Amino acid sequence: MLEVKGISKTFNVGTVNEKQALNHLSLTLNDGDFCTIIGGNGAGKSTMLNAIAGVWPVDEGQILIDGQDVTKLPEHKRAKFLGRVFQDPMNGTAASMGIEENLALALRRGSRRTLRPGIRNQERKLYRDLLSRLGLGLETRLTSKVGLLSGGQRQALTLLMATLERPKLLLLDEHTAALDPKTARKVLELTQEFVEEQNLTALMVTHNMKDAIAMGNRLIMMHEGRIIYDVSGDEKKKLTVDDLLKKFGEASGGEFANDRMMLAN
């Protein structure tokens, strides 16, 4: 479903701030793979997701989604293949629009826009049914402005929007990092539920090692713009946080010096 072939990305080329964020990185995901991504600050985790989404062009390499080369496609044209949930609950939704209007935009992602009437009653019923599954009381607030929702409500809504029309690839960029522990757990449970129900192919960046081990069928560790550890199946299920810390030391030649990651254990 996803083929990343030798992509590289360097920022601020030729300046004192030059930084190679991706270093000939390659990754292949099969249909239905749910891959968690961990690594220290500046490892290239979010840069990889943004490169896949087309936020900026890569310097070299190739990106294919479901066999289609999207390397040269701009971000808005890749959107029809992707669902995205960001770290900031304020991203991914239109704050000044109602809940049902945001869902309608998500439902029509990648489709031709027409002048037909907007949201029909049958469509509203679909939205109520879907929102009721979140358990957040949003099914009775279809016309409420999204900007009035709490961070957790907004992130759950964004997750629903990202999976409303089954994406070929779901990108989750630390999507629970800004939430309190209880709300983060709820959003992670919904994530697991949606991914399993639709058999989605997903990439999830996280700073929480326990979540990285518990969720998905595959885990990769990044360091200095490349993948230094890749584990899946039964081997992944048997991992512990101590195992990951040891693997990082072995693969990178140094200790895992990342306060956020350590605190998230």
Protein backbone atom coordinates (compact mmCIF):
# COMPACT_ATOMS: atom_id res chain seq x y z
CA MET A 1 0.00 0.00 0.00
CA LEU A 2 2.94 2.32 0.67
CA GLU A 3 6.40 2.25 -0.87
CA VAL A 4 8.96 4.83 0.21
CA LYS A 5 12.12 4.38 -1.80
CA GLY A 6 15.33 6.11 -0.74
CA ILE A 7 13.87 9.51 0.10
CA SER A 8 16.07 12.30 1.41
CA LYS A 9 15.23 15.79 2.65
CA THR A 10 17.60 18.54 3.77
CA PHE A 11 16.39 21.86 5.14
CA ASN A 12 18.19 25.23 4.96
CA VAL A 13 20.75 23.96 2.44
CA GLY A 14 23.97 25.97 2.37
CA THR A 15 23.34 27.76 5.67
CA VAL A 16 24.61 27.27 9.21
CA ASN A 17 21.20 25.77 9.99
CA GLU A 18 21.46 23.03 7.35
CA LYS A 19 19.80 19.87 8.62
CA GLN A 20 19.39 16.53 6.90
CA ALA A 21 15.99 15.36 8.16
CA LEU A 22 15.67 12.22 5.99
CA ASN A 23 18.65 10.15 4.90
CA HIS A 24 17.88 7.77 2.00
CA LEU A 25 14.94 6.36 3.95
CA SER A 26 13.04 3.36 2.60
CA LEU A 27 9.87 1.77 3.98
CA THR A 28 7.24 -0.62 2.59
CA LEU A 29 3.82 -1.16 4.17
CA ASN A 30 1.47 -3.93 3.08
CA ASP A 31 -2.27 -3.40 2.93
CA GLY A 32 -3.61 -3.51 6.50
CA ASP A 33 -0.28 -2.85 8.24
CA PHE A 34 -0.56 -0.66 11.35
CA CYS A 35 2.95 0.62 12.01
CA THR A 36 3.95 2.68 15.05
CA ILE A 37 6.99 4.98 14.84
CA ILE A 38 9.25 6.03 17.69
CA GLY A 39 12.51 7.95 17.89
CA GLY A 40 14.20 10.87 19.58
CA ASN A 41 13.60 14.54 18.83
CA GLY A 42 14.80 15.37 15.32
CA ALA A 43 14.83 11.70 14.25
CA GLY A 44 12.73 12.52 11.17
CA LYS A 45 9.41 10.98 12.24
CA SER A 46 7.11 13.91 11.42
CA THR A 47 9.26 14.84 8.43
CA MET A 48 8.63 11.40 6.94
CA LEU A 49 4.86 11.74 7.43
CA ASN A 50 4.90 15.23 5.91
CA ALA A 51 6.94 13.98 2.96
CA ILE A 52 4.40 11.21 2.34
CA ALA A 53 1.57 13.75 2.58
CA GLY A 54 3.28 16.13 0.16
CA VAL A 55 3.69 19.03 2.58
CA TRP A 56 7.07 19.58 0.97
CA PRO A 57 8.89 17.88 -1.91
CA VAL A 58 11.67 15.39 -1.22
CA ASP A 59 15.15 16.05 -2.60
CA GLU A 60 15.44 12.54 -4.00
CA GLY A 61 13.70 9.20 -3.90
CA GLN A 62 10.21 8.01 -4.74
CA ILE A 63 6.87 7.63 -2.92
CA LEU A 64 4.13 5.27 -4.15
CA ILE A 65 0.67 4.82 -2.63
CA ASP A 66 -1.23 1.72 -3.75
CA GLY A 67 1.12 1.44 -6.71
CA GLN A 68 0.66 5.04 -7.87
CA ASP A 69 3.70 7.31 -7.96
CA VAL A 70 2.75 10.43 -5.96
CA THR A 71 6.28 11.84 -5.60
CA LYS A 72 5.53 14.87 -7.77
CA LEU A 73 1.89 15.33 -6.73
CA PRO A 74 1.11 18.45 -4.64
CA GLU A 75 -0.40 18.06 -1.20
CA HIS A 76 -4.01 18.78 -2.22
CA LYS A 77 -3.93 16.06 -4.90
CA ARG A 78 -2.57 13.47 -2.45
CA ALA A 79 -5.40 14.26 -0.02
CA LYS A 80 -7.78 11.85 -1.78
CA PHE A 81 -5.46 8.97 -0.82
CA LEU A 82 -4.83 10.01 2.77
CA GLY A 83 -6.48 10.51 6.14
CA ARG A 84 -4.52 12.64 8.62
CA VAL A 85 -4.77 13.45 12.31
CA PHE A 86 -2.35 16.03 13.67
CA GLN A 87 -0.79 16.62 17.09
CA ASP A 88 -2.63 19.92 17.52
CA PRO A 89 -6.41 19.38 17.96
CA MET A 90 -6.91 22.76 16.25
CA ASN A 91 -5.63 21.33 12.97
CA GLY A 92 -7.59 19.09 10.62
CA THR A 93 -10.97 20.79 11.13
CA ALA A 94 -12.59 24.12 10.22
CA ALA A 95 -13.22 25.82 13.57
CA SER A 96 -15.81 28.30 12.27
CA MET A 97 -17.95 25.57 10.66
CA GLY A 98 -20.40 23.19 12.33
CA ILE A 99 -19.73 19.55 13.13
CA GLU A 100 -21.99 18.32 10.33
CA GLU A 101 -20.36 20.72 7.85
CA ASN A 102 -16.90 19.39 8.73
CA LEU A 103 -18.12 15.81 8.32
CA ALA A 104 -19.70 16.70 4.97
CA LEU A 105 -16.37 18.05 3.73
CA ALA A 106 -14.66 14.84 4.83
CA LEU A 107 -17.29 12.68 3.15
CA ARG A 108 -16.72 14.52 -0.13
CA ARG A 109 -12.91 14.39 0.00
CA GLY A 110 -11.53 13.69 -3.44
CA SER A 111 -14.96 13.96 -5.09
CA ARG A 112 -16.13 16.47 -7.66
CA ARG A 113 -18.02 19.38 -6.05
CA THR A 114 -21.47 20.24 -7.43
CA LEU A 115 -24.23 22.77 -6.83
CA ARG A 116 -26.61 20.16 -5.43
CA PRO A 117 -28.26 20.81 -2.06
CA GLY A 118 -25.87 20.46 0.87
CA ILE A 119 -26.53 18.06 3.73
CA ARG A 120 -29.59 15.85 3.43
CA ASN A 121 -31.55 14.22 6.25
CA GLN A 122 -30.25 10.75 5.41
CA GLU A 123 -26.72 12.10 5.59
CA ARG A 124 -27.43 13.68 8.98
CA LYS A 125 -28.64 10.32 10.28
CA LEU A 126 -25.33 8.78 9.20
CA TYR A 127 -23.43 11.50 11.05
CA ARG A 128 -25.50 11.03 14.22
CA ASP A 129 -24.94 7.28 14.16
CA LEU A 130 -21.20 7.69 13.68
CA LEU A 131 -20.85 10.42 16.30
CA SER A 132 -22.79 8.39 18.87
CA ARG A 133 -20.05 5.75 18.68
CA LEU A 134 -17.55 8.29 20.02
CA GLY A 135 -19.44 8.45 23.32
CA LEU A 136 -18.88 12.19 23.62
CA GLY A 137 -22.42 13.50 23.14
CA LEU A 138 -21.61 15.11 19.78
CA GLU A 139 -24.52 13.40 18.00
CA THR A 140 -26.90 16.00 19.51
CA ARG A 141 -24.69 18.95 18.52
CA LEU A 142 -24.48 18.67 14.74
CA THR A 143 -24.70 22.42 14.19
CA SER A 144 -22.27 23.39 16.97
CA LYS A 145 -19.14 25.18 15.80
CA VAL A 146 -16.12 22.90 16.00
CA GLY A 147 -14.09 25.69 17.58
CA LEU A 148 -16.26 25.37 20.71
CA LEU A 149 -15.34 21.72 21.28
CA SER A 150 -12.76 20.52 23.79
CA GLY A 151 -9.41 19.24 22.53
CA GLY A 152 -10.44 15.62 23.04
CA GLN A 153 -13.79 16.07 21.30
CA ARG A 154 -12.10 17.79 18.40
CA GLN A 155 -9.41 15.14 18.06
CA ALA A 156 -12.01 12.34 18.11
CA LEU A 157 -13.98 14.21 15.44
CA THR A 158 -10.82 14.65 13.34
CA LEU A 159 -10.15 10.92 13.59
CA LEU A 160 -13.70 10.18 12.46
CA MET A 161 -13.31 12.61 9.54
CA ALA A 162 -9.98 11.06 8.53
CA THR A 163 -11.55 7.59 8.29
CA LEU A 164 -15.05 8.52 7.06
CA GLU A 165 -14.17 7.72 3.46
CA ARG A 166 -11.74 4.82 3.84
CA PRO A 167 -8.30 6.28 3.06
CA LYS A 168 -5.61 4.21 1.42
CA LEU A 169 -3.26 5.39 4.17
CA LEU A 170 -3.95 6.90 7.60
CA LEU A 171 -1.25 9.20 9.04
CA LEU A 172 -1.33 9.85 12.80
CA ASP A 173 1.27 12.38 13.95
CA GLU A 174 1.41 12.22 17.77
CA HIS A 175 -2.35 12.71 17.72
CA THR A 176 -2.77 12.20 21.47
CA ALA A 177 0.26 14.20 22.68
CA ALA A 178 -1.73 17.36 23.48
CA LEU A 179 -4.49 15.54 25.39
CA ASP A 180 -4.84 14.65 29.06
CA PRO A 181 -4.16 10.95 29.86
CA LYS A 182 -7.83 9.92 30.13
CA THR A 183 -8.81 11.61 26.87
CA ALA A 184 -5.68 10.32 25.13
CA ARG A 185 -6.64 6.78 26.12
CA LYS A 186 -10.13 7.26 24.68
CA VAL A 187 -8.76 8.58 21.36
CA LEU A 188 -6.29 5.67 21.17
CA GLU A 189 -9.11 3.18 21.76
CA LEU A 190 -11.11 4.79 18.94
CA THR A 191 -8.03 4.70 16.73
CA GLN A 192 -7.57 0.97 17.31
CA GLU A 193 -11.27 0.37 16.70
CA PHE A 194 -11.43 2.31 13.41
CA VAL A 195 -8.21 0.81 12.05
CA GLU A 196 -9.29 -2.77 12.83
CA GLU A 197 -12.86 -2.36 11.55
CA GLN A 198 -11.79 -0.93 8.19
CA ASN A 199 -8.52 -2.87 7.96
CA LEU A 200 -6.72 0.42 7.41
CA THR A 201 -3.06 0.84 6.56
CA ALA A 202 -1.72 3.28 9.14
CA LEU A 203 1.43 5.04 10.33
CA MET A 204 1.35 6.38 13.90
CA VAL A 205 4.10 8.54 15.38
CA THR A 206 4.15 8.41 19.18
CA HIS A 207 6.44 9.37 22.06
CA ASN A 208 4.88 6.76 24.29
CA MET A 209 6.83 3.51 24.11
CA LYS A 210 4.08 1.45 25.77
CA ASP A 211 1.56 2.64 23.17
CA ALA A 212 4.05 1.93 20.39
CA ILE A 213 4.40 -1.65 21.62
CA ALA A 214 0.71 -2.24 22.38
CA MET A 215 -0.75 -0.88 19.15
CA GLY A 216 -0.37 -2.15 15.62
CA ASN A 217 1.40 -5.14 14.12
CA ARG A 218 4.70 -3.43 13.39
CA LEU A 219 7.09 -0.95 15.04
CA ILE A 220 9.94 1.05 13.57
CA MET A 221 12.51 3.17 15.36
CA MET A 222 14.08 6.17 13.61
CA HIS A 223 17.35 7.98 14.23
CA GLU A 224 18.97 10.75 12.20
CA GLY A 225 16.54 10.41 9.31
CA ARG A 226 16.73 6.68 8.85
CA ILE A 227 15.13 3.51 10.22
CA ILE A 228 17.44 1.74 12.68
CA TYR A 229 15.04 -0.94 13.96
CA ASP A 230 12.04 -2.66 12.38
CA VAL A 231 10.06 -5.33 14.23
CA SER A 232 6.69 -7.00 13.67
CA GLY A 233 4.45 -9.93 14.57
CA ASP A 234 5.15 -12.07 17.63
CA GLU A 235 8.55 -10.47 18.17
CA LYS A 236 6.88 -7.07 18.56
CA LYS A 237 4.28 -8.43 21.00
CA LYS A 238 7.04 -9.66 23.31
CA LEU A 239 8.85 -6.30 23.44
CA THR A 240 9.26 -4.27 26.63
CA VAL A 241 10.26 -0.65 27.09
CA ASP A 242 13.67 -1.82 28.34
CA ASP A 243 14.07 -3.84 25.14
CA LEU A 244 13.46 -0.72 23.05
CA LEU A 245 15.94 1.34 25.04
CA LYS A 246 18.54 -1.38 24.60
CA LYS A 247 17.81 -1.70 20.87
CA PHE A 248 18.21 2.04 20.43
CA GLY A 249 21.60 1.94 22.10
CA GLU A 250 22.73 -0.98 19.95
CA ALA A 251 21.48 0.47 16.66
CA SER A 252 22.47 4.09 17.19
CA GLY A 253 25.61 3.67 19.21
CA GLY A 254 24.33 5.92 21.97
CA GLU A 255 21.82 6.25 24.78
CA PHE A 256 18.23 7.24 24.20
CA ALA A 257 18.42 10.84 25.40
CA ASN A 258 14.86 12.10 25.10
CA ASP A 259 13.03 13.38 28.18
CA ARG A 260 9.56 13.24 26.61
CA MET A 261 10.05 9.66 25.55
CA MET A 262 11.34 8.60 28.95
CA LEU A 263 8.47 10.31 30.79
CA ALA A 264 5.95 8.63 28.49
CA ASN A 265 6.98 5.15 29.54
